[in-house]
Amino acid sequence: MMKGIAVESLRKIPNDKGDVYHGLKSTEDSYVAFGEAYFSNVNHGEIKGWKKHNEMVLNLIVPVGNIRFVIYDDRSNSTTFKQFFEITLGSVNYSRLTIAPGLWVSFQGVDKGQNLLLNIASIEHDPAESISFPLEQINYNWNLI
């Protein structure tokens, strides 16, 4: 596992009137602080990123569809320097992906229908707090699975 990443399986609680999907509790280890929560839709095959946050801790959950996340470590003092970590979250793997500041993240919509992610962020959005790169800036094979 890459340093600065945690993956926690989440519970889906069956209910005849509609299932309940667990997200994040303030008592869990991956909880740092609450800044804001937002949803982002990712169309099939489309890729969003690369982005690196300098302060924000991301807690990413995919309640609808499936999204492939790729994290790249360019921290020269890290034991996983220049390595990639890939995981698909959603109906195939209902889990929470926590990403520490300082790692590059990008993601791709996998399903043909809606692919919806929730980020429970540790701070409010601040455009000066993150860096974005064009997709081709970091060499990765984005062929859709």
N, C-alpha and C. Protein backbone atom coordinates (compact mmCIF):
# COMPACT_ATOMS: atom_id res chain seq x y z
N MET A 1 0.85 -1.19 0.00
CA MET A 1 0.00 0.00 0.00
C MET A 1 0.88 1.24 0.00
N MET A 2 0.47 2.22 -0.73
CA MET A 2 1.21 3.48 -0.81
C MET A 2 1.02 4.27 0.48
N LYS A 3 2.10 4.84 0.98
CA LYS A 3 2.02 5.66 2.19
C LYS A 3 1.15 6.89 1.90
N GLY A 4 0.19 7.13 2.79
CA GLY A 4 -0.71 8.26 2.62
C GLY A 4 -2.05 7.87 2.02
N ILE A 5 -2.26 6.56 1.82
CA ILE A 5 -3.52 6.07 1.28
C ILE A 5 -4.10 5.04 2.24
N ALA A 6 -5.40 5.09 2.42
CA ALA A 6 -6.11 4.06 3.19
C ALA A 6 -7.36 3.68 2.42
N VAL A 7 -7.67 2.39 2.42
CA VAL A 7 -8.89 1.89 1.80
C VAL A 7 -9.65 1.13 2.88
N GLU A 8 -10.87 1.57 3.13
CA GLU A 8 -11.72 0.95 4.15
C GLU A 8 -13.00 0.44 3.49
N SER A 9 -13.27 -0.86 3.63
CA SER A 9 -14.54 -1.40 3.14
C SER A 9 -15.67 -0.76 3.93
N LEU A 10 -16.74 -0.45 3.22
CA LEU A 10 -17.89 0.19 3.86
C LEU A 10 -19.09 -0.75 3.85
N ARG A 11 -19.99 -0.54 4.79
CA ARG A 11 -21.17 -1.37 4.90
C ARG A 11 -22.30 -0.84 4.04
N LYS A 12 -22.96 -1.77 3.37
CA LYS A 12 -24.26 -1.52 2.75
C LYS A 12 -25.25 -2.25 3.62
N ILE A 13 -26.19 -1.52 4.18
CA ILE A 13 -27.17 -2.11 5.08
C ILE A 13 -28.47 -2.33 4.29
N PRO A 14 -28.81 -3.59 4.03
CA PRO A 14 -30.02 -3.87 3.25
C PRO A 14 -31.27 -3.39 3.96
N ASN A 15 -32.18 -2.84 3.18
CA ASN A 15 -33.46 -2.39 3.71
C ASN A 15 -34.48 -2.55 2.60
N ASP A 16 -35.62 -3.13 2.90
CA ASP A 16 -36.65 -3.38 1.90
C ASP A 16 -37.11 -2.10 1.19
N LYS A 17 -37.02 -0.98 1.87
CA LYS A 17 -37.47 0.29 1.28
C LYS A 17 -36.34 1.05 0.60
N GLY A 18 -35.12 0.53 0.67
CA GLY A 18 -33.95 1.17 0.07
C GLY A 18 -32.75 1.00 0.98
N ASP A 19 -31.65 0.54 0.42
CA ASP A 19 -30.46 0.26 1.21
C ASP A 19 -29.83 1.53 1.77
N VAL A 20 -29.09 1.36 2.87
CA VAL A 20 -28.36 2.44 3.52
C VAL A 20 -26.87 2.21 3.24
N TYR A 21 -26.17 3.24 2.80
CA TYR A 21 -24.75 3.15 2.47
C TYR A 21 -23.95 3.95 3.49
N HIS A 22 -23.06 3.27 4.20
CA HIS A 22 -22.21 3.95 5.18
C HIS A 22 -21.19 4.83 4.46
N GLY A 23 -20.77 5.92 5.08
CA GLY A 23 -19.80 6.83 4.48
C GLY A 23 -18.58 7.05 5.36
N LEU A 24 -18.72 7.84 6.42
CA LEU A 24 -17.59 8.18 7.29
C LEU A 24 -18.12 8.61 8.65
N LYS A 25 -17.47 8.12 9.69
CA LYS A 25 -17.80 8.53 11.07
C LYS A 25 -16.63 9.34 11.62
N SER A 26 -16.92 10.28 12.48
CA SER A 26 -15.86 11.10 13.07
C SER A 26 -14.97 10.30 14.01
N THR A 27 -15.38 9.11 14.39
CA THR A 27 -14.58 8.26 15.28
C THR A 27 -13.61 7.34 14.52
N GLU A 28 -13.66 7.35 13.20
CA GLU A 28 -12.78 6.48 12.40
C GLU A 28 -11.40 7.10 12.22
N ASP A 29 -10.39 6.25 12.08
CA ASP A 29 -9.01 6.71 11.94
C ASP A 29 -8.79 7.64 10.75
N SER A 30 -9.51 7.40 9.65
CA SER A 30 -9.29 8.22 8.46
C SER A 30 -9.96 9.60 8.54
N TYR A 31 -10.77 9.82 9.57
CA TYR A 31 -11.38 11.13 9.75
C TYR A 31 -10.36 12.09 10.34
N VAL A 32 -10.16 13.22 9.67
CA VAL A 32 -9.23 14.25 10.14
C VAL A 32 -10.00 15.48 10.59
N ALA A 33 -10.85 15.97 9.71
CA ALA A 33 -11.67 17.16 9.98
C ALA A 33 -12.73 17.22 8.89
N PHE A 34 -13.71 18.09 9.08
CA PHE A 34 -14.72 18.29 8.05
C PHE A 34 -14.64 19.71 7.52
N GLY A 35 -14.43 19.82 6.22
CA GLY A 35 -14.42 21.13 5.57
C GLY A 35 -15.63 21.30 4.68
N GLU A 36 -15.89 20.30 3.84
CA GLU A 36 -17.05 20.31 2.96
C GLU A 36 -17.23 18.93 2.36
N ALA A 37 -18.42 18.68 1.85
CA ALA A 37 -18.71 17.46 1.11
C ALA A 37 -19.26 17.89 -0.25
N TYR A 38 -18.81 17.21 -1.30
CA TYR A 38 -19.35 17.49 -2.62
C TYR A 38 -19.40 16.22 -3.45
N PHE A 39 -20.30 16.22 -4.44
CA PHE A 39 -20.45 15.13 -5.38
C PHE A 39 -19.88 15.55 -6.72
N SER A 40 -19.36 14.59 -7.45
CA SER A 40 -18.86 14.84 -8.80
C SER A 40 -19.28 13.66 -9.67
N ASN A 41 -19.84 13.95 -10.83
CA ASN A 41 -20.21 12.92 -11.78
C ASN A 41 -19.07 12.75 -12.78
N VAL A 42 -18.79 11.50 -13.15
CA VAL A 42 -17.72 11.22 -14.11
C VAL A 42 -18.33 10.38 -15.23
N ASN A 43 -18.40 10.95 -16.42
CA ASN A 43 -18.99 10.23 -17.55
C ASN A 43 -18.12 9.04 -17.94
N HIS A 44 -18.76 8.04 -18.56
CA HIS A 44 -18.08 6.82 -18.99
C HIS A 44 -16.85 7.15 -19.84
N GLY A 45 -15.71 6.62 -19.43
CA GLY A 45 -14.47 6.79 -20.18
C GLY A 45 -13.77 8.12 -19.97
N GLU A 46 -14.46 9.10 -19.40
CA GLU A 46 -13.85 10.41 -19.17
C GLU A 46 -12.90 10.34 -17.97
N ILE A 47 -11.86 11.18 -18.02
CA ILE A 47 -10.84 11.20 -16.97
C ILE A 47 -10.74 12.60 -16.40
N LYS A 48 -10.80 12.69 -15.08
CA LYS A 48 -10.61 13.98 -14.39
C LYS A 48 -9.29 13.91 -13.63
N GLY A 49 -8.53 14.95 -13.66
CA GLY A 49 -7.25 14.99 -12.95
C GLY A 49 -6.16 15.32 -13.96
N TRP A 50 -4.99 15.35 -13.57
CA TRP A 50 -4.29 15.14 -12.33
C TRP A 50 -4.41 16.34 -11.40
N LYS A 51 -4.56 16.05 -10.11
CA LYS A 51 -4.62 17.12 -9.11
C LYS A 51 -3.88 16.65 -7.86
N LYS A 52 -3.15 17.59 -7.27
CA LYS A 52 -2.46 17.32 -6.00
C LYS A 52 -2.86 18.40 -5.01
N HIS A 53 -3.37 17.94 -3.86
CA HIS A 53 -3.73 18.86 -2.79
C HIS A 53 -2.55 18.98 -1.83
N ASN A 54 -2.33 20.20 -1.36
CA ASN A 54 -1.24 20.45 -0.42
C ASN A 54 -1.69 20.38 1.04
N GLU A 55 -2.99 20.54 1.28
CA GLU A 55 -3.53 20.52 2.64
C GLU A 55 -4.72 19.56 2.80
N MET A 56 -5.55 19.45 1.78
CA MET A 56 -6.80 18.70 1.88
C MET A 56 -6.57 17.20 1.95
N VAL A 57 -7.26 16.54 2.89
CA VAL A 57 -7.37 15.09 2.92
C VAL A 57 -8.67 14.74 2.21
N LEU A 58 -8.60 13.84 1.23
CA LEU A 58 -9.77 13.41 0.49
C LEU A 58 -10.31 12.12 1.09
N ASN A 59 -11.61 12.02 1.20
CA ASN A 59 -12.29 10.78 1.57
C ASN A 59 -13.30 10.51 0.46
N LEU A 60 -12.92 9.63 -0.47
CA LEU A 60 -13.68 9.40 -1.69
C LEU A 60 -14.52 8.14 -1.59
N ILE A 61 -15.80 8.28 -1.92
CA ILE A 61 -16.77 7.18 -1.88
C ILE A 61 -17.55 7.21 -3.18
N VAL A 62 -17.83 6.05 -3.76
CA VAL A 62 -18.60 5.97 -5.01
C VAL A 62 -19.88 5.18 -4.73
N PRO A 63 -21.00 5.89 -4.45
CA PRO A 63 -22.25 5.21 -4.15
C PRO A 63 -23.02 4.75 -5.39
N VAL A 64 -22.67 5.31 -6.57
CA VAL A 64 -23.38 4.99 -7.82
C VAL A 64 -22.35 4.76 -8.92
N GLY A 65 -22.45 3.64 -9.62
CA GLY A 65 -21.54 3.34 -10.72
C GLY A 65 -20.21 2.81 -10.21
N ASN A 66 -19.18 2.97 -11.04
CA ASN A 66 -17.83 2.54 -10.69
C ASN A 66 -16.84 3.55 -11.25
N ILE A 67 -15.85 3.90 -10.44
CA ILE A 67 -14.83 4.86 -10.84
C ILE A 67 -13.46 4.29 -10.54
N ARG A 68 -12.57 4.37 -11.53
CA ARG A 68 -11.18 3.94 -11.34
C ARG A 68 -10.36 5.13 -10.89
N PHE A 69 -9.67 4.98 -9.76
CA PHE A 69 -8.80 6.02 -9.21
C PHE A 69 -7.35 5.60 -9.41
N VAL A 70 -6.54 6.54 -9.79
CA VAL A 70 -5.10 6.31 -9.92
C VAL A 70 -4.40 7.39 -9.11
N ILE A 71 -3.50 6.95 -8.25
CA ILE A 71 -2.73 7.87 -7.41
C ILE A 71 -1.27 7.71 -7.78
N TYR A 72 -0.58 8.84 -7.91
CA TYR A 72 0.84 8.83 -8.26
C TYR A 72 1.62 9.55 -7.16
N ASP A 73 2.73 8.96 -6.75
CA ASP A 73 3.56 9.49 -5.68
C ASP A 73 4.83 10.11 -6.26
N ASP A 74 4.93 11.43 -6.22
CA ASP A 74 6.16 12.10 -6.67
C ASP A 74 6.93 12.71 -5.51
N ARG A 75 6.64 12.23 -4.29
CA ARG A 75 7.34 12.73 -3.10
C ARG A 75 8.71 12.04 -3.04
N SER A 76 9.78 12.81 -3.24
CA SER A 76 11.13 12.24 -3.35
C SER A 76 11.59 11.51 -2.08
N ASN A 77 11.04 11.85 -0.94
CA ASN A 77 11.44 11.20 0.32
C ASN A 77 10.56 10.01 0.67
N SER A 78 9.66 9.60 -0.22
CA SER A 78 8.71 8.53 0.05
C SER A 78 9.27 7.17 -0.38
N THR A 79 8.89 6.13 0.34
CA THR A 79 9.29 4.77 -0.03
C THR A 79 8.56 4.29 -1.28
N THR A 80 7.48 5.00 -1.67
CA THR A 80 6.74 4.63 -2.89
C THR A 80 6.93 5.68 -3.98
N PHE A 81 8.06 6.39 -3.95
CA PHE A 81 8.39 7.43 -4.94
C PHE A 81 8.30 6.87 -6.35
N LYS A 82 7.60 7.60 -7.22
CA LYS A 82 7.39 7.27 -8.64
C LYS A 82 6.55 6.01 -8.85
N GLN A 83 5.77 5.62 -7.85
CA GLN A 83 4.88 4.47 -8.00
C GLN A 83 3.43 4.92 -8.16
N PHE A 84 2.64 4.05 -8.78
CA PHE A 84 1.21 4.27 -8.96
C PHE A 84 0.44 3.31 -8.06
N PHE A 85 -0.74 3.75 -7.64
CA PHE A 85 -1.68 2.91 -6.93
C PHE A 85 -3.00 3.05 -7.66
N GLU A 86 -3.63 1.94 -8.00
CA GLU A 86 -4.90 1.97 -8.74
C GLU A 86 -5.94 1.15 -7.99
N ILE A 87 -7.16 1.69 -7.96
CA ILE A 87 -8.27 0.98 -7.34
C ILE A 87 -9.57 1.45 -8.00
N THR A 88 -10.51 0.52 -8.15
CA THR A 88 -11.84 0.86 -8.64
C THR A 88 -12.80 0.75 -7.47
N LEU A 89 -13.57 1.81 -7.27
CA LEU A 89 -14.58 1.85 -6.20
C LEU A 89 -15.97 1.95 -6.81
N GLY A 90 -16.95 1.45 -6.08
CA GLY A 90 -18.34 1.54 -6.50
C GLY A 90 -19.05 0.25 -6.22
N SER A 91 -19.91 -0.16 -7.14
CA SER A 91 -20.70 -1.38 -6.92
C SER A 91 -19.81 -2.61 -6.86
N VAL A 92 -18.65 -2.59 -7.53
CA VAL A 92 -17.73 -3.74 -7.49
C VAL A 92 -16.92 -3.77 -6.19
N ASN A 93 -16.76 -2.62 -5.54
CA ASN A 93 -15.93 -2.51 -4.35
C ASN A 93 -16.40 -1.29 -3.56
N TYR A 94 -17.43 -1.47 -2.73
CA TYR A 94 -17.94 -0.32 -1.98
C TYR A 94 -17.02 -0.06 -0.79
N SER A 95 -16.15 0.91 -0.96
CA SER A 95 -15.13 1.25 0.04
C SER A 95 -14.91 2.76 0.02
N ARG A 96 -14.18 3.22 1.04
CA ARG A 96 -13.78 4.63 1.10
C ARG A 96 -12.28 4.69 0.85
N LEU A 97 -11.86 5.56 -0.05
CA LEU A 97 -10.46 5.79 -0.35
C LEU A 97 -10.05 7.11 0.29
N THR A 98 -9.12 7.06 1.23
CA THR A 98 -8.61 8.26 1.88
C THR A 98 -7.24 8.56 1.31
N ILE A 99 -7.05 9.81 0.85
CA ILE A 99 -5.80 10.22 0.23
C ILE A 99 -5.25 11.42 0.98
N ALA A 100 -4.02 11.27 1.48
CA ALA A 100 -3.35 12.35 2.21
C ALA A 100 -2.88 13.43 1.23
N PRO A 101 -2.65 14.64 1.73
CA PRO A 101 -2.09 15.68 0.88
C PRO A 101 -0.73 15.26 0.32
N GLY A 102 -0.39 15.81 -0.85
CA GLY A 102 0.92 15.56 -1.45
C GLY A 102 0.96 14.46 -2.48
N LEU A 103 -0.18 13.80 -2.74
CA LEU A 103 -0.25 12.75 -3.75
C LEU A 103 -1.10 13.23 -4.92
N TRP A 104 -0.69 12.84 -6.13
CA TRP A 104 -1.46 13.17 -7.33
C TRP A 104 -2.61 12.17 -7.47
N VAL A 105 -3.78 12.67 -7.84
CA VAL A 105 -4.93 11.79 -8.05
C VAL A 105 -5.63 12.15 -9.36
N SER A 106 -6.09 11.11 -10.03
CA SER A 106 -6.89 11.25 -11.24
C SER A 106 -7.90 10.11 -11.24
N PHE A 107 -9.02 10.27 -11.94
CA PHE A 107 -10.02 9.21 -11.92
C PHE A 107 -10.82 9.18 -13.20
N GLN A 108 -11.37 7.98 -13.48
CA GLN A 108 -12.04 7.70 -14.75
C GLN A 108 -13.38 7.01 -14.49
N GLY A 109 -14.41 7.46 -15.21
CA GLY A 109 -15.71 6.81 -15.13
C GLY A 109 -15.68 5.47 -15.84
N VAL A 110 -16.12 4.41 -15.17
CA VAL A 110 -16.05 3.06 -15.73
C VAL A 110 -17.38 2.62 -16.32
N ASP A 111 -18.48 2.84 -15.62
CA ASP A 111 -19.78 2.36 -16.09
C ASP A 111 -20.35 3.27 -17.19
N LYS A 112 -21.20 2.68 -18.03
CA LYS A 112 -21.84 3.46 -19.09
C LYS A 112 -22.93 4.38 -18.54
N GLY A 113 -23.49 4.04 -17.40
CA GLY A 113 -24.48 4.90 -16.77
C GLY A 113 -23.77 5.95 -15.92
N GLN A 114 -24.43 6.37 -14.88
CA GLN A 114 -23.87 7.40 -14.00
C GLN A 114 -22.77 6.83 -13.10
N ASN A 115 -21.70 7.59 -12.93
CA ASN A 115 -20.61 7.29 -12.02
C ASN A 115 -20.46 8.50 -11.11
N LEU A 116 -20.88 8.34 -9.86
CA LEU A 116 -20.97 9.47 -8.94
C LEU A 116 -20.04 9.26 -7.76
N LEU A 117 -19.21 10.26 -7.49
CA LEU A 117 -18.35 10.16 -6.32
C LEU A 117 -18.73 11.24 -5.32
N LEU A 118 -18.47 10.91 -4.06
CA LEU A 118 -18.63 11.84 -2.95
C LEU A 118 -17.26 12.05 -2.35
N ASN A 119 -16.85 13.30 -2.17
CA ASN A 119 -15.64 13.62 -1.43
C ASN A 119 -16.04 14.29 -0.13
N ILE A 120 -15.65 13.68 0.98
CA ILE A 120 -15.82 14.32 2.28
C ILE A 120 -14.45 14.89 2.61
N ALA A 121 -14.27 16.16 2.31
CA ALA A 121 -12.96 16.82 2.38
C ALA A 121 -12.69 17.39 3.76
N SER A 122 -11.42 17.40 4.12
CA SER A 122 -11.03 17.88 5.45
C SER A 122 -11.06 19.40 5.57
N ILE A 123 -11.00 20.11 4.43
CA ILE A 123 -11.06 21.57 4.43
C ILE A 123 -11.99 22.01 3.31
N GLU A 124 -12.43 23.26 3.36
CA GLU A 124 -13.23 23.81 2.27
C GLU A 124 -12.35 24.01 1.05
N HIS A 125 -12.98 23.97 -0.12
CA HIS A 125 -12.26 24.16 -1.38
C HIS A 125 -11.53 25.50 -1.38
N ASP A 126 -10.27 25.46 -1.76
CA ASP A 126 -9.44 26.64 -1.90
C ASP A 126 -8.57 26.43 -3.13
N PRO A 127 -8.83 27.13 -4.23
CA PRO A 127 -8.08 26.88 -5.47
C PRO A 127 -6.57 27.10 -5.33
N ALA A 128 -6.13 27.89 -4.36
CA ALA A 128 -4.71 28.13 -4.16
C ALA A 128 -4.02 26.98 -3.42
N GLU A 129 -4.80 26.03 -2.91
CA GLU A 129 -4.28 24.93 -2.09
C GLU A 129 -3.89 23.71 -2.92
N SER A 130 -4.25 23.68 -4.20
CA SER A 130 -3.98 22.51 -5.03
C SER A 130 -3.27 22.89 -6.33
N ILE A 131 -2.70 21.88 -6.96
CA ILE A 131 -2.00 22.03 -8.24
C ILE A 131 -2.66 21.07 -9.22
N SER A 132 -2.87 21.50 -10.45
CA SER A 132 -3.43 20.62 -11.49
C SER A 132 -2.43 20.49 -12.62
N PHE A 133 -2.38 19.30 -13.20
CA PHE A 133 -1.55 19.01 -14.37
C PHE A 133 -2.45 18.49 -15.49
N PRO A 134 -2.08 18.76 -16.75
CA PRO A 134 -2.77 18.10 -17.86
C PRO A 134 -2.54 16.59 -17.76
N LEU A 135 -3.46 15.82 -18.29
CA LEU A 135 -3.41 14.37 -18.18
C LEU A 135 -2.10 13.78 -18.69
N GLU A 136 -1.58 14.31 -19.79
CA GLU A 136 -0.35 13.77 -20.38
C GLU A 136 0.92 14.11 -19.60
N GLN A 137 0.82 14.95 -18.60
CA GLN A 137 1.99 15.36 -17.79
C GLN A 137 2.56 14.19 -16.98
N ILE A 138 1.68 13.28 -16.55
CA ILE A 138 2.10 12.08 -15.82
C ILE A 138 1.80 10.89 -16.70
N ASN A 139 2.80 10.11 -17.05
CA ASN A 139 2.68 9.01 -17.99
C ASN A 139 1.97 7.82 -17.36
N TYR A 140 0.74 7.60 -17.82
CA TYR A 140 -0.06 6.47 -17.31
C TYR A 140 -0.95 5.96 -18.43
N ASN A 141 -1.14 4.63 -18.52
CA ASN A 141 -1.99 4.03 -19.54
C ASN A 141 -3.44 4.04 -19.08
N TRP A 142 -4.23 4.91 -19.69
CA TRP A 142 -5.63 5.10 -19.27
C TRP A 142 -6.61 4.27 -20.09
N ASN A 143 -6.19 3.20 -20.74
CA ASN A 143 -7.16 2.37 -21.47
C ASN A 143 -8.25 1.93 -20.51
N LEU A 144 -9.49 2.10 -20.94
CA LEU A 144 -10.63 1.73 -20.10
C LEU A 144 -10.66 0.23 -19.90
N ILE A 145 -10.89 -0.18 -18.67
CA ILE A 145 -10.90 -1.61 -18.33
C ILE A 145 -12.09 -2.27 -19.00
